[in-house]
Structure formats: structure tokens, C-alpha cells
């Protein structure tokens, strides 16, 4: 799972809705199990220009969706996702707390744990 998140972040993609329901396992056998990320409905690509077509096995299904993402600003301001998994940065941005004007990849890391 951490490799998949790194793959996304290396391409400036923020998922914004990591939760157990969005992690799919290919097998119940721990030795052959591969975790795949699903539900890219809230994902954004920061800054644009990143090549999101990759060979990472865990993201083969997701690359089709990722190719369609539009480039956005280098930070996000949209309040979205699943409340139980909101990162503090997302909540502070929504509340317009002093110094909290936007968030980025860190919100995925909070949700993943």
C-alpha cells in the first residue's frame, strides 16, 4: 500500500479519500496478496505535467482513471472525502484557520496511517 501511495505522490496525485473500503486485496493468501487502490473520484493531480502512465502492478487498473484527471493548483482547497478519515490540514483549511489556506499530499499520508 505504501508503494502505491508513493507512486501516486511521485506523480503529484492526491487521492483525498483513502479508507479501508478503497483498498482492495487480490488474494486472501498473505504471500501472494497485492493491495490495489480504488475509487479515484476525488483524486486530483497537482500542478499538471506529470506522466501518470506507469507499470506499477498495484496501479494497473487505476492508470486509466488517472490519465483523465485535470491539472489543478499545487494545493487543494476542496473539503471532500470521508469524515472519519479527514486529515487535520483538510479540516483546518475548511475552517479557514490562521495559516491554513490549502493542503496537499500530506492528507493521503494521514488517512493511510
PDB file of N, CA and C in Angstrom:
ATOM      1  N   UNK A   1       0.822  -1.186   0.000  1.00  0.00           N
ATOM      2  CA  UNK A   1       0.000   0.000   0.000  1.00  0.00           C
ATOM      3  C   UNK A   1       0.866   1.250   0.000  1.00  0.00           C
ATOM      4  N   UNK A   2       1.925   1.252   0.787  1.00  0.00           N
ATOM      5  CA  UNK A   2       2.800   2.422   0.836  1.00  0.00           C
ATOM      6  C   UNK A   2       3.456   2.669  -0.519  1.00  0.00           C
ATOM      7  N   UNK A   3       3.778   1.613  -1.256  1.00  0.00           N
ATOM      8  CA  UNK A   3       4.371   1.776  -2.587  1.00  0.00           C
ATOM      9  C   UNK A   3       3.375   2.431  -3.537  1.00  0.00           C
ATOM     10  N   UNK A   4       2.118   2.064  -3.411  1.00  0.00           N
ATOM     11  CA  UNK A   4       1.093   2.641  -4.280  1.00  0.00           C
ATOM     12  C   UNK A   4       0.911   4.128  -3.990  1.00  0.00           C
ATOM     13  N   UNK A   5       0.923   4.496  -2.712  1.00  0.00           N
ATOM     14  CA  UNK A   5       0.793   5.910  -2.343  1.00  0.00           C
ATOM     15  C   UNK A   5       2.003   6.690  -2.850  1.00  0.00           C
ATOM     16  N   UNK A   6       3.193   6.136  -2.692  1.00  0.00           N
ATOM     17  CA  UNK A   6       4.410   6.784  -3.199  1.00  0.00           C
ATOM     18  C   UNK A   6       4.322   6.968  -4.709  1.00  0.00           C
ATOM     19  N   UNK A   7       3.817   5.950  -5.416  1.00  0.00           N
ATOM     20  CA  UNK A   7       3.656   6.027  -6.867  1.00  0.00           C
ATOM     21  C   UNK A   7       2.772   7.219  -7.233  1.00  0.00           C
ATOM     22  N   UNK A   8       1.650   7.354  -6.550  1.00  0.00           N
ATOM     23  CA  UNK A   8       0.743   8.473  -6.818  1.00  0.00           C
ATOM     24  C   UNK A   8       1.413   9.808  -6.506  1.00  0.00           C
ATOM     25  N   UNK A   9       2.007   9.906  -5.336  1.00  0.00           N
ATOM     26  CA  UNK A   9       2.604  11.173  -4.911  1.00  0.00           C
ATOM     27  C   UNK A   9       3.795  11.567  -5.771  1.00  0.00           C
ATOM     28  N   UNK A  10       4.555  10.589  -6.268  1.00  0.00           N
ATOM     29  CA  UNK A  10       5.658  10.898  -7.188  1.00  0.00           C
ATOM     30  C   UNK A  10       5.139  11.539  -8.469  1.00  0.00           C
ATOM     31  N   UNK A  11       3.876  11.329  -8.772  1.00  0.00           N
ATOM     32  CA  UNK A  11       3.244  11.899  -9.962  1.00  0.00           C
ATOM     33  C   UNK A  11       2.321  13.067  -9.609  1.00  0.00           C
ATOM     34  N   UNK A  12       2.493  13.592  -8.386  1.00  0.00           N
ATOM     35  CA  UNK A  12       1.707  14.731  -7.891  1.00  0.00           C
ATOM     36  C   UNK A  12       0.211  14.463  -7.878  1.00  0.00           C
ATOM     37  N   UNK A  13      -0.174  13.247  -7.583  1.00  0.00           N
ATOM     38  CA  UNK A  13      -1.587  12.887  -7.500  1.00  0.00           C
ATOM     39  C   UNK A  13      -1.954  12.696  -6.035  1.00  0.00           C
ATOM     40  N   UNK A  14      -3.018  13.363  -5.607  1.00  0.00           N
ATOM     41  CA  UNK A  14      -3.532  13.237  -4.247  1.00  0.00           C
ATOM     42  C   UNK A  14      -4.874  12.517  -4.338  1.00  0.00           C
ATOM     43  N   UNK A  15      -5.011  11.396  -3.661  1.00  0.00           N
ATOM     44  CA  UNK A  15      -6.229  10.583  -3.708  1.00  0.00           C
ATOM     45  C   UNK A  15      -7.377  11.263  -2.964  1.00  0.00           C
ATOM     46  N   UNK A  16      -7.150  11.769  -1.784  1.00  0.00           N
ATOM     47  CA  UNK A  16      -8.065  12.526  -0.934  1.00  0.00           C
ATOM     48  C   UNK A  16      -9.194  11.722  -0.309  1.00  0.00           C
ATOM     49  N   UNK A  17      -9.223  10.408  -0.485  1.00  0.00           N
ATOM     50  CA  UNK A  17     -10.282   9.623   0.161  1.00  0.00           C
ATOM     51  C   UNK A  17      -9.795   8.217   0.507  1.00  0.00           C
ATOM     52  N   UNK A  18      -8.580   8.121   1.065  1.00  0.00           N
ATOM     53  CA  UNK A  18      -8.097   6.811   1.495  1.00  0.00           C
ATOM     54  C   UNK A  18      -8.886   6.349   2.709  1.00  0.00           C
ATOM     55  N   UNK A  19      -9.335   5.120   2.672  1.00  0.00           N
ATOM     56  CA  UNK A  19     -10.019   4.465   3.781  1.00  0.00           C
ATOM     57  C   UNK A  19     -10.009   2.976   3.474  1.00  0.00           C
ATOM     58  N   UNK A  20     -10.262   2.135   4.454  1.00  0.00           N
ATOM     59  CA  UNK A  20     -10.195   0.686   4.210  1.00  0.00           C
ATOM     60  C   UNK A  20     -11.040   0.219   3.026  1.00  0.00           C
ATOM     61  N   UNK A  21     -12.192   0.823   2.830  1.00  0.00           N
ATOM     62  CA  UNK A  21     -13.072   0.411   1.728  1.00  0.00           C
ATOM     63  C   UNK A  21     -12.464   0.669   0.358  1.00  0.00           C
ATOM     64  N   UNK A  22     -11.474   1.546   0.276  1.00  0.00           N
ATOM     65  CA  UNK A  22     -10.850   1.877  -1.007  1.00  0.00           C
ATOM     66  C   UNK A  22      -9.527   1.156  -1.238  1.00  0.00           C
ATOM     67  N   UNK A  23      -9.221   0.176  -0.392  1.00  0.00           N
ATOM     68  CA  UNK A  23      -8.046  -0.669  -0.574  1.00  0.00           C
ATOM     69  C   UNK A  23      -8.549  -2.077  -0.874  1.00  0.00           C
ATOM     70  N   UNK A  24      -8.262  -2.558  -2.060  1.00  0.00           N
ATOM     71  CA  UNK A  24      -8.711  -3.884  -2.488  1.00  0.00           C
ATOM     72  C   UNK A  24      -7.540  -4.854  -2.439  1.00  0.00           C
ATOM     73  N   UNK A  25      -7.796  -6.072  -1.971  1.00  0.00           N
ATOM     74  CA  UNK A  25      -6.763  -7.105  -1.898  1.00  0.00           C
ATOM     75  C   UNK A  25      -7.035  -8.154  -2.959  1.00  0.00           C
ATOM     76  N   UNK A  26      -5.981  -8.589  -3.650  1.00  0.00           N
ATOM     77  CA  UNK A  26      -6.146  -9.524  -4.766  1.00  0.00           C
ATOM     78  C   UNK A  26      -6.257 -10.967  -4.319  1.00  0.00           C
ATOM     79  N   UNK A  27      -5.931 -11.253  -3.056  1.00  0.00           N
ATOM     80  CA  UNK A  27      -5.924 -12.633  -2.587  1.00  0.00           C
ATOM     81  C   UNK A  27      -6.035 -12.643  -1.069  1.00  0.00           C
ATOM     82  N   UNK A  28      -6.498 -13.740  -0.514  1.00  0.00           N
ATOM     83  CA  UNK A  28      -6.511 -13.875   0.942  1.00  0.00           C
ATOM     84  C   UNK A  28      -5.206 -14.489   1.437  1.00  0.00           C
ATOM     85  N   UNK A  29      -4.366 -14.938   0.521  1.00  0.00           N
ATOM     86  CA  UNK A  29      -3.064 -15.508   0.850  1.00  0.00           C
ATOM     87  C   UNK A  29      -2.066 -14.364   1.032  1.00  0.00           C
ATOM     88  N   UNK A  30      -1.507 -14.216   2.239  1.00  0.00           N
ATOM     89  CA  UNK A  30      -0.593 -13.105   2.535  1.00  0.00           C
ATOM     90  C   UNK A  30       0.636 -13.088   1.628  1.00  0.00           C
ATOM     91  N   UNK A  31       1.071 -14.244   1.164  1.00  0.00           N
ATOM     92  CA  UNK A  31       2.288 -14.312   0.354  1.00  0.00           C
ATOM     93  C   UNK A  31       2.071 -13.838  -1.079  1.00  0.00           C
ATOM     94  N   UNK A  32       0.862 -13.947  -1.579  1.00  0.00           N
ATOM     95  CA  UNK A  32       0.587 -13.535  -2.959  1.00  0.00           C
ATOM     96  C   UNK A  32      -0.315 -12.300  -3.032  1.00  0.00           C
ATOM     97  N   UNK A  33      -0.719 -11.786  -1.888  1.00  0.00           N
ATOM     98  CA  UNK A  33      -1.652 -10.665  -1.821  1.00  0.00           C
ATOM     99  C   UNK A  33      -1.020  -9.376  -2.359  1.00  0.00           C
ATOM    100  N   UNK A  34      -1.795  -8.648  -3.155  1.00  0.00           N
ATOM    101  CA  UNK A  34      -1.400  -7.329  -3.644  1.00  0.00           C
ATOM    102  C   UNK A  34      -2.521  -6.364  -3.275  1.00  0.00           C
ATOM    103  N   UNK A  35      -2.162  -5.233  -2.683  1.00  0.00           N
ATOM    104  CA  UNK A  35      -3.149  -4.207  -2.351  1.00  0.00           C
ATOM    105  C   UNK A  35      -3.287  -3.261  -3.537  1.00  0.00           C
ATOM    106  N   UNK A  36      -4.522  -2.976  -3.905  1.00  0.00           N
ATOM    107  CA  UNK A  36      -4.792  -2.041  -5.002  1.00  0.00           C
ATOM    108  C   UNK A  36      -5.672  -0.913  -4.482  1.00  0.00           C
ATOM    109  N   UNK A  37      -5.375   0.287  -4.933  1.00  0.00           N
ATOM    110  CA  UNK A  37      -6.151   1.455  -4.539  1.00  0.00           C
ATOM    111  C   UNK A  37      -7.329   1.603  -5.493  1.00  0.00           C
ATOM    112  N   UNK A  38      -8.495   1.921  -4.940  1.00  0.00           N
ATOM    113  CA  UNK A  38      -9.674   2.115  -5.785  1.00  0.00           C
ATOM    114  C   UNK A  38     -10.326   3.461  -5.469  1.00  0.00           C
ATOM    115  N   UNK A  39     -11.358   3.788  -6.206  1.00  0.00           N
ATOM    116  CA  UNK A  39     -12.171   4.989  -6.041  1.00  0.00           C
ATOM    117  C   UNK A  39     -11.351   6.274  -6.164  1.00  0.00           C
ATOM    118  N   UNK A  40     -11.075   6.650  -7.389  1.00  0.00           N
ATOM    119  CA  UNK A  40     -10.312   7.863  -7.667  1.00  0.00           C
ATOM    120  C   UNK A  40     -11.226   9.046  -7.979  1.00  0.00           C
ATOM    121  N   UNK A  41     -12.472   8.982  -7.533  1.00  0.00           N
ATOM    122  CA  UNK A  41     -13.436  10.036  -7.824  1.00  0.00           C
ATOM    123  C   UNK A  41     -13.067  11.400  -7.271  1.00  0.00           C
ATOM    124  N   UNK A  42     -12.327  11.455  -6.170  1.00  0.00           N
ATOM    125  CA  UNK A  42     -11.926  12.729  -5.569  1.00  0.00           C
ATOM    126  C   UNK A  42     -10.466  13.067  -5.826  1.00  0.00           C
ATOM    127  N   UNK A  43      -9.761  12.224  -6.562  1.00  0.00           N
ATOM    128  CA  UNK A  43      -8.328  12.427  -6.810  1.00  0.00           C
ATOM    129  C   UNK A  43      -8.094  13.648  -7.692  1.00  0.00           C
ATOM    130  N   UNK A  44      -6.977  14.317  -7.431  1.00  0.00           N
ATOM    131  CA  UNK A  44      -6.560  15.451  -8.257  1.00  0.00           C
ATOM    132  C   UNK A  44      -5.075  15.332  -8.538  1.00  0.00           C
ATOM    133  N   UNK A  45      -4.667  15.902  -9.651  1.00  0.00           N
ATOM    134  CA  UNK A  45      -3.249  15.973  -9.987  1.00  0.00           C
ATOM    135  C   UNK A  45      -2.801  17.401  -9.733  1.00  0.00           C
ATOM    136  N   UNK A  46      -1.804  17.556  -8.887  1.00  0.00           N
ATOM    137  CA  UNK A  46      -1.307  18.882  -8.534  1.00  0.00           C
ATOM    138  C   UNK A  46      -0.359  19.400  -9.599  1.00  0.00           C
ATOM    139  N   UNK A  47      -0.555  20.603 -10.044  1.00  0.00           N
ATOM    140  CA  UNK A  47       0.391  21.262 -10.930  1.00  0.00           C
ATOM    141  C   UNK A  47       0.399  20.815 -12.370  1.00  0.00           C
ATOM    142  N   UNK A  48      -0.017  19.620 -12.659  1.00  0.00           N
ATOM    143  CA  UNK A  48      -0.051  19.124 -14.035  1.00  0.00           C
ATOM    144  C   UNK A  48       1.305  18.723 -14.562  1.00  0.00           C
ATOM    145  N   UNK A  49       1.304  18.144 -15.742  1.00  0.00           N
ATOM    146  CA  UNK A  49       2.525  17.783 -16.424  1.00  0.00           C
ATOM    147  C   UNK A  49       3.129  16.464 -16.013  1.00  0.00           C
ATOM    148  N   UNK A  50       2.587  15.789 -15.012  1.00  0.00           N
ATOM    149  CA  UNK A  50       3.160  14.516 -14.571  1.00  0.00           C
ATOM    150  C   UNK A  50       2.679  13.389 -15.472  1.00  0.00           C
ATOM    151  N   UNK A  51       3.578  12.467 -15.780  1.00  0.00           N
ATOM    152  CA  UNK A  51       3.219  11.286 -16.566  1.00  0.00           C
ATOM    153  C   UNK A  51       2.607  10.258 -15.630  1.00  0.00           C
ATOM    154  N   UNK A  52       1.303  10.017 -15.758  1.00  0.00           N
ATOM    155  CA  UNK A  52       0.638   9.100 -14.843  1.00  0.00           C
ATOM    156  C   UNK A  52       0.499   7.695 -15.409  1.00  0.00           C
ATOM    157  N   UNK A  53       1.082   7.454 -16.581  1.00  0.00           N
ATOM    158  CA  UNK A  53       1.027   6.113 -17.139  1.00  0.00           C
ATOM    159  C   UNK A  53       2.234   5.357 -16.617  1.00  0.00           C
ATOM    160  N   UNK A  54       2.019   4.354 -15.822  1.00  0.00           N
ATOM    161  CA  UNK A  54       3.125   3.623 -15.217  1.00  0.00           C
ATOM    162  C   UNK A  54       2.948   2.138 -15.339  1.00  0.00           C
ATOM    163  N   UNK A  55       3.960   1.424 -14.896  1.00  0.00           N
ATOM    164  CA  UNK A  55       3.950  -0.026 -14.962  1.00  0.00           C
ATOM    165  C   UNK A  55       3.731  -0.661 -13.597  1.00  0.00           C
ATOM    166  N   UNK A  56       3.500   0.107 -12.560  1.00  0.00           N
ATOM    167  CA  UNK A  56       3.339  -0.436 -11.212  1.00  0.00           C
ATOM    168  C   UNK A  56       2.154  -1.395 -11.185  1.00  0.00           C
ATOM    169  N   UNK A  57       2.422  -2.609 -10.782  1.00  0.00           N
ATOM    170  CA  UNK A  57       1.396  -3.658 -10.778  1.00  0.00           C
ATOM    171  C   UNK A  57       0.188  -3.271  -9.930  1.00  0.00           C
ATOM    172  N   UNK A  58       0.424  -2.677  -8.780  1.00  0.00           N
ATOM    173  CA  UNK A  58      -0.668  -2.340  -7.870  1.00  0.00           C
ATOM    174  C   UNK A  58      -1.596  -1.277  -8.434  1.00  0.00           C
ATOM    175  N   UNK A  59      -1.158  -0.542  -9.476  1.00  0.00           N
ATOM    176  CA  UNK A  59      -1.978   0.543 -10.006  1.00  0.00           C
ATOM    177  C   UNK A  59      -2.388   0.359 -11.461  1.00  0.00           C
ATOM    178  N   UNK A  60      -2.257  -0.825 -11.995  1.00  0.00           N
ATOM    179  CA  UNK A  60      -2.594  -1.031 -13.405  1.00  0.00           C
ATOM    180  C   UNK A  60      -4.037  -0.646 -13.708  1.00  0.00           C
ATOM    181  N   UNK A  61      -4.936  -0.995 -12.826  1.00  0.00           N
ATOM    182  CA  UNK A  61      -6.341  -0.667 -13.058  1.00  0.00           C
ATOM    183  C   UNK A  61      -6.603   0.834 -12.920  1.00  0.00           C
ATOM    184  N   UNK A  62      -5.843   1.483 -12.059  1.00  0.00           N
ATOM    185  CA  UNK A  62      -6.085   2.897 -11.778  1.00  0.00           C
ATOM    186  C   UNK A  62      -5.526   3.830 -12.842  1.00  0.00           C
ATOM    187  N   UNK A  63      -4.561   3.403 -13.626  1.00  0.00           N
ATOM    188  CA  UNK A  63      -3.927   4.327 -14.569  1.00  0.00           C
ATOM    189  C   UNK A  63      -4.901   4.877 -15.600  1.00  0.00           C
ATOM    190  N   UNK A  64      -5.891   4.100 -15.997  1.00  0.00           N
ATOM    191  CA  UNK A  64      -6.879   4.601 -16.959  1.00  0.00           C
ATOM    192  C   UNK A  64      -7.620   5.802 -16.383  1.00  0.00           C
ATOM    193  N   UNK A  65      -7.988   5.700 -15.122  1.00  0.00           N
ATOM    194  CA  UNK A  65      -8.681   6.803 -14.467  1.00  0.00           C
ATOM    195  C   UNK A  65      -7.755   7.991 -14.269  1.00  0.00           C
ATOM    196  N   UNK A  66      -6.529   7.721 -13.875  1.00  0.00           N
ATOM    197  CA  UNK A  66      -5.581   8.798 -13.594  1.00  0.00           C
ATOM    198  C   UNK A  66      -5.253   9.623 -14.830  1.00  0.00           C
ATOM    199  N   UNK A  67      -5.262   9.013 -16.003  1.00  0.00           N
ATOM    200  CA  UNK A  67      -4.959   9.738 -17.234  1.00  0.00           C
ATOM    201  C   UNK A  67      -5.984  10.820 -17.514  1.00  0.00           C
ATOM    202  N   UNK A  68      -7.182  10.668 -16.963  1.00  0.00           N
ATOM    203  CA  UNK A  68      -8.260  11.609 -17.233  1.00  0.00           C
ATOM    204  C   UNK A  68      -8.295  12.783 -16.255  1.00  0.00           C
ATOM    205  N   UNK A  69      -7.477  12.717 -15.206  1.00  0.00           N
ATOM    206  CA  UNK A  69      -7.512  13.788 -14.203  1.00  0.00           C
ATOM    207  C   UNK A  69      -7.000  15.107 -14.781  1.00  0.00           C
ATOM    208  N   UNK A  70      -7.650  16.187 -14.420  1.00  0.00           N
ATOM    209  CA  UNK A  70      -7.199  17.504 -14.868  1.00  0.00           C
ATOM    210  C   UNK A  70      -6.159  18.054 -13.909  1.00  0.00           C
ATOM    211  N   UNK A  71      -5.262  18.858 -14.445  1.00  0.00           N
ATOM    212  CA  UNK A  71      -4.257  19.513 -13.606  1.00  0.00           C
ATOM    213  C   UNK A  71      -4.943  20.599 -12.781  1.00  0.00           C
ATOM    214  N   UNK A  72      -4.496  20.738 -11.556  1.00  0.00           N
ATOM    215  CA  UNK A  72      -5.039  21.769 -10.668  1.00  0.00           C
ATOM    216  C   UNK A  72      -3.882  22.549 -10.066  1.00  0.00           C
ATOM    217  N   UNK A  73      -4.190  23.442  -9.185  1.00  0.00           N
ATOM    218  CA  UNK A  73      -3.148  24.190  -8.473  1.00  0.00           C
ATOM    219  C   UNK A  73      -2.315  23.219  -7.644  1.00  0.00           C
ATOM    220  N   UNK A  74      -1.142  23.670  -7.169  1.00  0.00           N
ATOM    221  CA  UNK A  74      -0.251  22.798  -6.403  1.00  0.00           C
ATOM    222  C   UNK A  74      -0.811  22.445  -5.034  1.00  0.00           C
ATOM    223  N   UNK A  75      -1.849  23.073  -4.610  1.00  0.00           N
ATOM    224  CA  UNK A  75      -2.507  22.734  -3.348  1.00  0.00           C
ATOM    225  C   UNK A  75      -4.007  22.671  -3.589  1.00  0.00           C
ATOM    226  N   UNK A  76      -4.705  21.981  -2.692  1.00  0.00           N
ATOM    227  CA  UNK A  76      -6.157  21.823  -2.806  1.00  0.00           C
ATOM    228  C   UNK A  76      -6.846  22.617  -1.706  1.00  0.00           C
ATOM    229  N   UNK A  77      -8.069  23.002  -1.983  1.00  0.00           N
ATOM    230  CA  UNK A  77      -8.873  23.715  -1.002  1.00  0.00           C
ATOM    231  C   UNK A  77     -10.237  23.066  -0.802  1.00  0.00           C
ATOM    232  N   UNK A  78     -10.566  22.091  -1.624  1.00  0.00           N
ATOM    233  CA  UNK A  78     -11.876  21.458  -1.577  1.00  0.00           C
ATOM    234  C   UNK A  78     -12.020  20.594  -0.332  1.00  0.00           C
ATOM    235  N   UNK A  79     -13.137  20.729   0.339  1.00  0.00           N
ATOM    236  CA  UNK A  79     -13.448  19.910   1.511  1.00  0.00           C
ATOM    237  C   UNK A  79     -14.186  18.681   0.999  1.00  0.00           C
ATOM    238  N   UNK A  80     -13.502  17.539   0.960  1.00  0.00           N
ATOM    239  CA  UNK A  80     -14.108  16.337   0.400  1.00  0.00           C
ATOM    240  C   UNK A  80     -13.498  15.107   1.052  1.00  0.00           C
ATOM    241  N   UNK A  81     -14.131  13.974   0.854  1.00  0.00           N
ATOM    242  CA  UNK A  81     -13.622  12.727   1.409  1.00  0.00           C
ATOM    243  C   UNK A  81     -14.593  12.135   2.406  1.00  0.00           C
ATOM    244  N   UNK A  82     -14.083  11.256   3.242  1.00  0.00           N
ATOM    245  CA  UNK A  82     -14.882  10.581   4.256  1.00  0.00           C
ATOM    246  C   UNK A  82     -14.516  11.167   5.617  1.00  0.00           C
ATOM    247  N   UNK A  83     -15.473  11.772   6.327  1.00  0.00           N
ATOM    248  CA  UNK A  83     -15.168  12.496   7.563  1.00  0.00           C
ATOM    249  C   UNK A  83     -14.303  11.740   8.572  1.00  0.00           C
ATOM    250  N   UNK A  84     -14.525  10.463   8.749  1.00  0.00           N
ATOM    251  CA  UNK A  84     -13.752   9.690   9.720  1.00  0.00           C
ATOM    252  C   UNK A  84     -12.266   9.673   9.396  1.00  0.00           C
ATOM    253  N   UNK A  85     -11.907   9.903   8.121  1.00  0.00           N
ATOM    254  CA  UNK A  85     -10.516   9.832   7.685  1.00  0.00           C
ATOM    255  C   UNK A  85      -9.939  11.191   7.281  1.00  0.00           C
ATOM    256  N   UNK A  86     -10.631  12.284   7.567  1.00  0.00           N
ATOM    257  CA  UNK A  86     -10.122  13.617   7.235  1.00  0.00           C
ATOM    258  C   UNK A  86      -8.804  13.887   7.953  1.00  0.00           C
ATOM    259  N   UNK A  87      -7.854  14.434   7.236  1.00  0.00           N
ATOM    260  CA  UNK A  87      -6.594  14.875   7.838  1.00  0.00           C
ATOM    261  C   UNK A  87      -6.818  16.226   8.512  1.00  0.00           C
ATOM    262  N   UNK A  88      -6.042  16.534   9.551  1.00  0.00           N
ATOM    263  CA  UNK A  88      -6.191  17.835  10.217  1.00  0.00           C
ATOM    264  C   UNK A  88      -6.053  19.014   9.250  1.00  0.00           C
ATOM    265  N   UNK A  89      -5.148  18.906   8.268  1.00  0.00           N
ATOM    266  CA  UNK A  89      -4.947  20.000   7.313  1.00  0.00           C
ATOM    267  C   UNK A  89      -6.220  20.302   6.528  1.00  0.00           C
ATOM    268  N   UNK A  90      -6.984  19.262   6.199  1.00  0.00           N
ATOM    269  CA  UNK A  90      -8.216  19.461   5.441  1.00  0.00           C
ATOM    270  C   UNK A  90      -9.249  20.192   6.305  1.00  0.00           C
ATOM    271  N   UNK A  91      -9.360  19.781   7.554  1.00  0.00           N
ATOM    272  CA  UNK A  91     -10.322  20.418   8.459  1.00  0.00           C
ATOM    273  C   UNK A  91      -9.925  21.870   8.722  1.00  0.00           C
ATOM    274  N   UNK A  92      -8.649  22.111   8.977  1.00  0.00           N
ATOM    275  CA  UNK A  92      -8.185  23.477   9.240  1.00  0.00           C
ATOM    276  C   UNK A  92      -8.395  24.382   8.032  1.00  0.00           C
ATOM    277  N   UNK A  93      -8.175  23.849   6.830  1.00  0.00           N
ATOM    278  CA  UNK A  93      -8.411  24.631   5.613  1.00  0.00           C
ATOM    279  C   UNK A  93      -9.891  24.972   5.493  1.00  0.00           C
ATOM    280  N   UNK A  94     -10.764  23.998   5.756  1.00  0.00           N
ATOM    281  CA  UNK A  94     -12.211  24.217   5.683  1.00  0.00           C
ATOM    282  C   UNK A  94     -12.653  25.271   6.706  1.00  0.00           C
ATOM    283  N   UNK A  95     -12.072  25.211   7.901  1.00  0.00           N
ATOM    284  CA  UNK A  95     -12.442  26.155   8.958  1.00  0.00           C
ATOM    285  C   UNK A  95     -11.788  27.522   8.782  1.00  0.00           C
ATOM    286  N   UNK A  96     -10.941  27.632   7.744  1.00  0.00           N
ATOM    287  CA  UNK A  96     -10.216  28.880   7.482  1.00  0.00           C
ATOM    288  C   UNK A  96      -9.402  29.311   8.699  1.00  0.00           C
ATOM    289  N   UNK A  97      -8.762  28.331   9.330  1.00  0.00           N
ATOM    290  CA  UNK A  97      -7.901  28.603  10.480  1.00  0.00           C
ATOM    291  C   UNK A  97      -6.697  29.429  10.035  1.00  0.00           C
ATOM    292  N   UNK A  98      -6.163  30.276  10.914  1.00  0.00           N
ATOM    293  CA  UNK A  98      -4.994  31.097  10.564  1.00  0.00           C
ATOM    294  C   UNK A  98      -3.840  30.236  10.054  1.00  0.00           C
ATOM    295  N   UNK A  99      -3.301  30.609   8.924  1.00  0.00           N
ATOM    296  CA  UNK A  99      -2.170  29.896   8.335  1.00  0.00           C
ATOM    297  C   UNK A  99      -2.548  28.661   7.539  1.00  0.00           C
ATOM    298  N   UNK A 100      -3.784  28.237   7.599  1.00  0.00           N
ATOM    299  CA  UNK A 100      -4.221  27.043   6.868  1.00  0.00           C
ATOM    300  C   UNK A 100      -5.011  27.485   5.644  1.00  0.00           C
ATOM    301  N   UNK A 101      -4.338  27.612   4.517  1.00  0.00           N
ATOM    302  CA  UNK A 101      -5.001  28.098   3.308  1.00  0.00           C
ATOM    303  C   UNK A 101      -5.254  27.000   2.290  1.00  0.00           C
ATOM    304  N   UNK A 102      -4.528  25.873   2.402  1.00  0.00           N
ATOM    305  CA  UNK A 102      -4.677  24.785   1.437  1.00  0.00           C
ATOM    306  C   UNK A 102      -3.952  23.554   1.974  1.00  0.00           C
ATOM    307  N   UNK A 103      -4.117  22.428   1.274  1.00  0.00           N
ATOM    308  CA  UNK A 103      -3.452  21.190   1.671  1.00  0.00           C
ATOM    309  C   UNK A 103      -2.946  20.465   0.437  1.00  0.00           C
ATOM    310  N   UNK A 104      -2.111  19.470   0.642  1.00  0.00           N
ATOM    311  CA  UNK A 104      -1.536  18.709  -0.471  1.00  0.00           C
ATOM    312  C   UNK A 104      -1.466  17.229  -0.159  1.00  0.00           C
ATOM    313  N   UNK A 105      -0.370  16.599  -0.561  1.00  0.00           N
ATOM    314  CA  UNK A 105      -0.199  15.150  -0.446  1.00  0.00           C
ATOM    315  C   UNK A 105      -0.277  14.642   0.990  1.00  0.00           C
ATOM    316  N   UNK A 106       0.014  15.511   1.943  1.00  0.00           N
ATOM    317  CA  UNK A 106       0.035  15.076   3.339  1.00  0.00           C
ATOM    318  C   UNK A 106      -1.301  14.504   3.806  1.00  0.00           C
ATOM    319  N   UNK A 107      -2.413  14.920   3.176  1.00  0.00           N
ATOM    320  CA  UNK A 107      -3.709  14.398   3.611  1.00  0.00           C
ATOM    321  C   UNK A 107      -3.841  12.905   3.316  1.00  0.00           C
ATOM    322  N   UNK A 108      -3.218  12.424   2.247  1.00  0.00           N
ATOM    323  CA  UNK A 108      -3.238  10.989   1.951  1.00  0.00           C
ATOM    324  C   UNK A 108      -2.458  10.214   3.000  1.00  0.00           C
ATOM    325  N   UNK A 109      -1.314  10.745   3.400  1.00  0.00           N
ATOM    326  CA  UNK A 109      -0.483  10.049   4.381  1.00  0.00           C
ATOM    327  C   UNK A 109      -1.209   9.932   5.716  1.00  0.00           C
ATOM    328  N   UNK A 110      -1.958  10.962   6.106  1.00  0.00           N
ATOM    329  CA  UNK A 110      -2.736  10.922   7.341  1.00  0.00           C
ATOM    330  C   UNK A 110      -3.780   9.805   7.253  1.00  0.00           C
ATOM    331  N   UNK A 111      -4.500   9.735   6.157  1.00  0.00           N
ATOM    332  CA  UNK A 111      -5.567   8.745   6.005  1.00  0.00           C
ATOM    333  C   UNK A 111      -5.043   7.317   5.968  1.00  0.00           C
ATOM    334  N   UNK A 112      -3.892   7.121   5.332  1.00  0.00           N
ATOM    335  CA  UNK A 112      -3.306   5.786   5.239  1.00  0.00           C
ATOM    336  C   UNK A 112      -2.790   5.340   6.605  1.00  0.00           C
ATOM    337  N   UNK A 113      -2.317   6.292   7.397  1.00  0.00           N
ATOM    338  CA  UNK A 113      -1.827   5.951   8.743  1.00  0.00           C
ATOM    339  C   UNK A 113      -0.396   5.865   8.741  1.00  0.00           C
TER     340      UNK A 113
END
